[in-house]
């Protein structure tokens, strides 16, 4: 799905990944689930591109529903996969801390697991090699992506700001559709290691001149990134109240 002149989305509001398309090639942000491979090939074809045009994959964090086809691209096509140093172990299959699921509703939960099953979420291929990044780097990839450390959902969660795409990719630093409740709008993402730290990290989006705020789960959001932290904080307080 084309969102803008240089910006495309794979997947849907349950699980999403993104592509930046410039004259220098294509950068992929997150890699969804293994079954998104076919979606990737179809989107590249629609763009007039091939896998050979992909210059790199950048992961917002190392959870299984974000690394789907990353190892396939690295292993079979020699495409580097970038992840924050603090999440490199998680992307290689290291243990994720157990966190409380919180509120949930049967319908949305069933939709999430059915979609994950259809997209082969049970066939996770963990990374065997990664290129580690740190906060403040501008990556040598199409889109001129700036790495913004966003610890909370995981220690190495990052956002990625691209002036070319006019977007900030936030992974699971927030969500616009809660996969366990179906609630929509800016709000904290479930399965977050440290929710309080995650809320604090959202302040780092302030001042970014982006039009798009793009999560890994939920519809794209258009607006001022500087307003995100307070909106998510209010949503968190409202959820506790209920």
Protein backbone atom coordinates (compact mmCIF):
# COMPACT_ATOMS: atom_id res chain seq x y z
CA UNK A 1 0.00 0.00 0.00
CA UNK A 2 1.40 3.36 -1.01
CA UNK A 3 1.13 6.02 1.71
CA UNK A 4 3.25 8.73 0.10
CA UNK A 5 5.75 9.43 -2.69
CA UNK A 6 8.51 7.48 -0.91
CA UNK A 7 6.48 5.46 1.59
CA UNK A 8 4.74 2.08 1.43
CA UNK A 9 3.18 -0.26 3.99
CA UNK A 10 3.07 -4.07 4.14
CA UNK A 11 0.52 -6.03 6.12
CA UNK A 12 -2.48 -4.45 7.81
CA UNK A 13 -3.66 -2.99 11.10
CA UNK A 14 -2.85 -6.25 12.90
CA UNK A 15 0.85 -6.40 11.91
CA UNK A 16 2.56 -3.86 9.67
CA UNK A 17 5.98 -3.21 8.16
CA UNK A 18 7.12 -0.34 5.95
CA UNK A 19 9.26 0.43 2.91
CA UNK A 20 11.04 3.65 1.96
CA UNK A 21 11.62 3.99 -1.79
CA UNK A 22 14.16 6.52 -3.10
CA UNK A 23 16.45 6.88 -6.10
CA UNK A 24 19.12 5.10 -4.03
CA UNK A 25 17.02 1.98 -3.47
CA UNK A 26 14.66 0.58 -0.85
CA UNK A 27 14.89 0.36 2.94
CA UNK A 28 12.57 -1.94 4.87
CA UNK A 29 11.52 -1.03 8.41
CA UNK A 30 10.58 -4.17 10.34
CA UNK A 31 9.91 -7.49 8.67
CA UNK A 32 6.53 -8.54 10.02
CA UNK A 33 5.84 -12.28 10.08
CA UNK A 34 7.38 -14.97 7.84
CA UNK A 35 4.26 -15.09 5.66
CA UNK A 36 4.68 -11.42 4.76
CA UNK A 37 7.40 -12.52 2.34
CA UNK A 38 4.89 -12.86 -0.48
CA UNK A 39 3.40 -9.48 0.39
CA UNK A 40 6.89 -7.98 0.18
CA UNK A 41 7.50 -9.42 -3.28
CA UNK A 42 4.10 -8.20 -4.48
CA UNK A 43 4.68 -4.69 -3.13
CA UNK A 44 8.15 -4.47 -4.65
CA UNK A 45 6.70 -5.51 -8.01
CA UNK A 46 3.98 -2.85 -7.74
CA UNK A 47 6.73 -0.31 -7.04
CA UNK A 48 8.70 -1.43 -10.09
CA UNK A 49 11.38 -2.83 -7.79
CA UNK A 50 12.91 -6.20 -6.95
CA UNK A 51 14.65 -7.69 -3.93
CA UNK A 52 17.88 -6.56 -5.58
CA UNK A 53 16.89 -2.96 -4.91
CA UNK A 54 16.66 -3.51 -1.14
CA UNK A 55 19.66 -2.01 0.64
CA UNK A 56 18.84 -2.93 4.23
CA UNK A 57 16.28 -3.95 6.84
CA UNK A 58 16.04 -1.97 10.07
CA UNK A 59 14.25 -3.50 13.06
CA UNK A 60 12.56 -1.24 15.59
CA UNK A 61 13.14 -4.05 18.10
CA UNK A 62 13.84 -7.76 18.20
CA UNK A 63 10.44 -9.36 18.82
CA UNK A 64 9.29 -12.26 16.64
CA UNK A 65 6.43 -10.37 14.96
CA UNK A 66 8.90 -7.82 13.60
CA UNK A 67 11.70 -10.03 12.28
CA UNK A 68 9.61 -12.31 10.00
CA UNK A 69 11.49 -12.36 6.70
CA UNK A 70 14.61 -10.50 7.85
CA UNK A 71 16.86 -13.56 8.12
CA UNK A 72 15.71 -14.78 4.69
CA UNK A 73 16.77 -11.48 3.13
CA UNK A 74 20.10 -11.58 4.98
CA UNK A 75 20.87 -15.25 4.32
CA UNK A 76 19.61 -15.60 0.75
CA UNK A 77 20.26 -12.11 -0.62
CA UNK A 78 23.08 -10.68 1.50
CA UNK A 79 20.97 -7.77 2.75
CA UNK A 80 22.15 -6.40 6.12
CA UNK A 81 19.75 -6.30 9.07
CA UNK A 82 20.15 -3.46 11.55
CA UNK A 83 19.02 -3.62 15.19
CA UNK A 84 19.92 -1.67 18.34
CA UNK A 85 22.77 -3.15 20.35
CA UNK A 86 20.50 -3.70 23.36
CA UNK A 87 18.10 -5.84 21.29
CA UNK A 88 20.66 -7.78 19.26
CA UNK A 89 20.33 -10.79 21.55
CA UNK A 90 16.54 -10.71 21.39
CA UNK A 91 16.65 -10.63 17.58
CA UNK A 92 18.82 -13.75 17.72
CA UNK A 93 16.17 -15.56 19.75
CA UNK A 94 17.19 -14.59 23.27
CA UNK A 95 14.55 -14.84 25.97
CA UNK A 96 12.00 -12.06 26.23
CA UNK A 97 10.95 -11.26 29.82
CA UNK A 98 7.45 -12.40 30.70
CA UNK A 99 5.12 -9.45 31.16
CA UNK A 100 1.46 -9.26 32.13
CA UNK A 101 -0.93 -9.32 29.19
CA UNK A 102 -3.27 -6.82 30.78
CA UNK A 103 -6.79 -6.24 29.47
CA UNK A 104 -7.96 -8.43 26.63
CA UNK A 105 -11.09 -9.32 24.70
CA UNK A 106 -11.71 -12.66 23.06
CA UNK A 107 -12.63 -11.30 19.61
CA UNK A 108 -9.54 -9.12 18.96
CA UNK A 109 -7.28 -11.73 20.56
CA UNK A 110 -8.65 -14.38 18.21
CA UNK A 111 -8.14 -12.08 15.21
CA UNK A 112 -4.51 -11.50 16.19
CA UNK A 113 -3.68 -15.17 16.65
CA UNK A 114 -5.57 -16.21 13.50
CA UNK A 115 -3.66 -13.65 11.47
CA UNK A 116 -0.35 -14.70 13.00
CA UNK A 117 -1.15 -18.32 12.16
CA UNK A 118 -2.06 -17.46 8.57
CA UNK A 119 1.18 -15.51 8.19
CA UNK A 120 3.24 -18.39 9.61
CA UNK A 121 4.08 -16.67 12.87
CA UNK A 122 4.99 -20.10 14.29
CA UNK A 123 7.93 -20.38 11.84
CA UNK A 124 10.16 -17.70 13.31
CA UNK A 125 13.64 -17.54 11.77
CA UNK A 126 15.79 -15.71 14.29
CA UNK A 127 18.71 -13.63 13.03
CA UNK A 128 22.13 -15.24 12.99
CA UNK A 129 23.96 -12.01 12.13
CA UNK A 130 22.99 -8.40 12.76
CA UNK A 131 24.50 -4.96 12.25
CA UNK A 132 24.20 -3.16 15.57
CA UNK A 133 23.14 0.49 15.80
CA UNK A 134 22.99 3.04 18.59
CA UNK A 135 21.01 6.14 19.44
CA UNK A 136 21.73 9.16 17.25
CA UNK A 137 23.12 7.35 14.23
CA UNK A 138 22.02 8.28 10.73
CA UNK A 139 22.05 5.03 8.81
CA UNK A 140 23.73 4.72 5.40
CA UNK A 141 20.48 3.59 3.79
CA UNK A 142 17.79 5.09 1.55
CA UNK A 143 15.65 7.43 3.63
CA UNK A 144 18.47 8.91 5.73
CA UNK A 145 17.05 7.22 8.81
CA UNK A 146 17.95 8.73 12.18
CA UNK A 147 17.99 6.27 15.09
CA UNK A 148 16.10 7.50 18.16
CA UNK A 149 16.46 5.36 21.27
CA UNK A 150 13.04 4.48 22.73
CA UNK A 151 13.69 2.01 25.56
CA UNK A 152 10.63 0.66 27.31
CA UNK A 153 8.89 -1.89 25.13
CA UNK A 154 12.29 -3.54 25.03
CA UNK A 155 15.73 -2.27 26.07
CA UNK A 156 16.72 -1.68 22.44
CA UNK A 157 13.46 -0.35 21.05
CA UNK A 158 14.07 2.49 18.60
CA UNK A 159 12.13 4.93 16.49
CA UNK A 160 13.40 5.86 13.05
CA UNK A 161 12.89 9.32 11.58
CA UNK A 162 13.08 9.73 7.79
CA UNK A 163 12.91 13.22 6.29
CA UNK A 164 12.49 11.64 2.85
CA UNK A 165 9.36 9.75 3.93
CA UNK A 166 8.20 12.58 6.23
CA UNK A 167 7.63 9.86 8.81
CA UNK A 168 8.73 8.47 12.14
CA UNK A 169 8.51 4.69 12.49
CA UNK A 170 7.85 3.80 16.13
CA UNK A 171 7.53 0.00 16.19
CA UNK A 172 5.85 -0.93 19.48
CA UNK A 173 6.75 2.25 21.34
CA UNK A 174 3.02 2.83 20.99
CA UNK A 175 0.09 1.32 19.12
CA UNK A 176 -2.95 2.67 17.32
CA UNK A 177 -4.84 -0.62 17.55
CA UNK A 178 -4.42 -2.75 20.64
CA UNK A 179 -4.06 -6.35 19.45
CA UNK A 180 -5.59 -7.72 22.66
CA UNK A 181 -8.57 -5.39 23.09
CA UNK A 182 -9.24 -3.97 19.62
CA UNK A 183 -9.21 -0.47 21.06
CA UNK A 184 -8.08 2.11 18.51
CA UNK A 185 -6.23 5.41 18.85
CA UNK A 186 -2.82 6.34 20.22
CA UNK A 187 -2.12 4.23 23.31
CA UNK A 188 0.57 2.09 24.98
CA UNK A 189 1.41 -1.18 23.25
CA UNK A 190 0.89 -4.46 25.12
CA UNK A 191 3.71 -6.84 26.08
CA UNK A 192 5.92 -3.90 27.11
CA UNK A 193 8.87 -4.68 29.38
CA UNK A 194 8.84 -1.34 31.24
CA UNK A 195 5.65 0.69 30.61
CA UNK A 196 6.73 3.73 32.64
CA UNK A 197 10.02 3.98 30.80
CA UNK A 198 8.21 3.52 27.51
CA UNK A 199 5.94 6.48 28.24
CA UNK A 200 8.95 8.62 29.14
CA UNK A 201 10.67 7.67 25.89
CA UNK A 202 7.78 9.04 23.83
CA UNK A 203 8.96 12.53 24.78
CA UNK A 204 11.86 11.99 22.38
CA UNK A 205 9.45 12.32 19.45
CA UNK A 206 8.78 15.95 20.30
CA UNK A 207 10.16 18.39 17.76
CA UNK A 208 10.38 15.91 14.89
CA UNK A 209 8.96 17.58 11.75
CA UNK A 210 7.21 14.41 10.57
CA UNK A 211 3.67 14.12 9.26
CA UNK A 212 3.34 10.34 9.74
CA UNK A 213 3.69 8.37 12.99
CA UNK A 214 3.82 4.72 11.96
CA UNK A 215 3.41 1.88 14.47
CA UNK A 216 3.94 -1.83 14.04
CA UNK A 217 0.32 -2.52 14.97
CA UNK A 218 -2.62 -0.34 14.00
CA UNK A 219 -3.40 2.19 11.30
CA UNK A 220 -0.94 4.94 10.31
CA UNK A 221 -1.42 8.14 12.30
CA UNK A 222 -1.07 11.64 10.87
CA UNK A 223 -0.33 14.53 13.17
CA UNK A 224 2.27 16.27 15.29
CA UNK A 225 4.68 13.80 16.93
CA UNK A 226 5.07 16.31 19.75
CA UNK A 227 1.50 15.60 20.89
CA UNK A 228 1.94 11.84 21.04
CA UNK A 229 3.37 11.45 24.54
CA UNK A 230 0.53 13.26 26.31
CA UNK A 231 -2.14 11.48 24.26
CA UNK A 232 -0.66 8.07 25.03
CA UNK A 233 -0.28 8.99 28.70
CA UNK A 234 -3.96 9.92 28.90
CA UNK A 235 -4.92 6.67 27.18
CA UNK A 236 -2.85 4.73 29.73
CA UNK A 237 -4.56 6.49 32.61
CA UNK A 238 -7.96 5.86 31.07
CA UNK A 239 -7.22 2.16 30.66
CA UNK A 240 -6.23 1.89 34.32
CA UNK A 241 -9.45 3.66 35.28
CA UNK A 242 -11.44 0.99 33.52
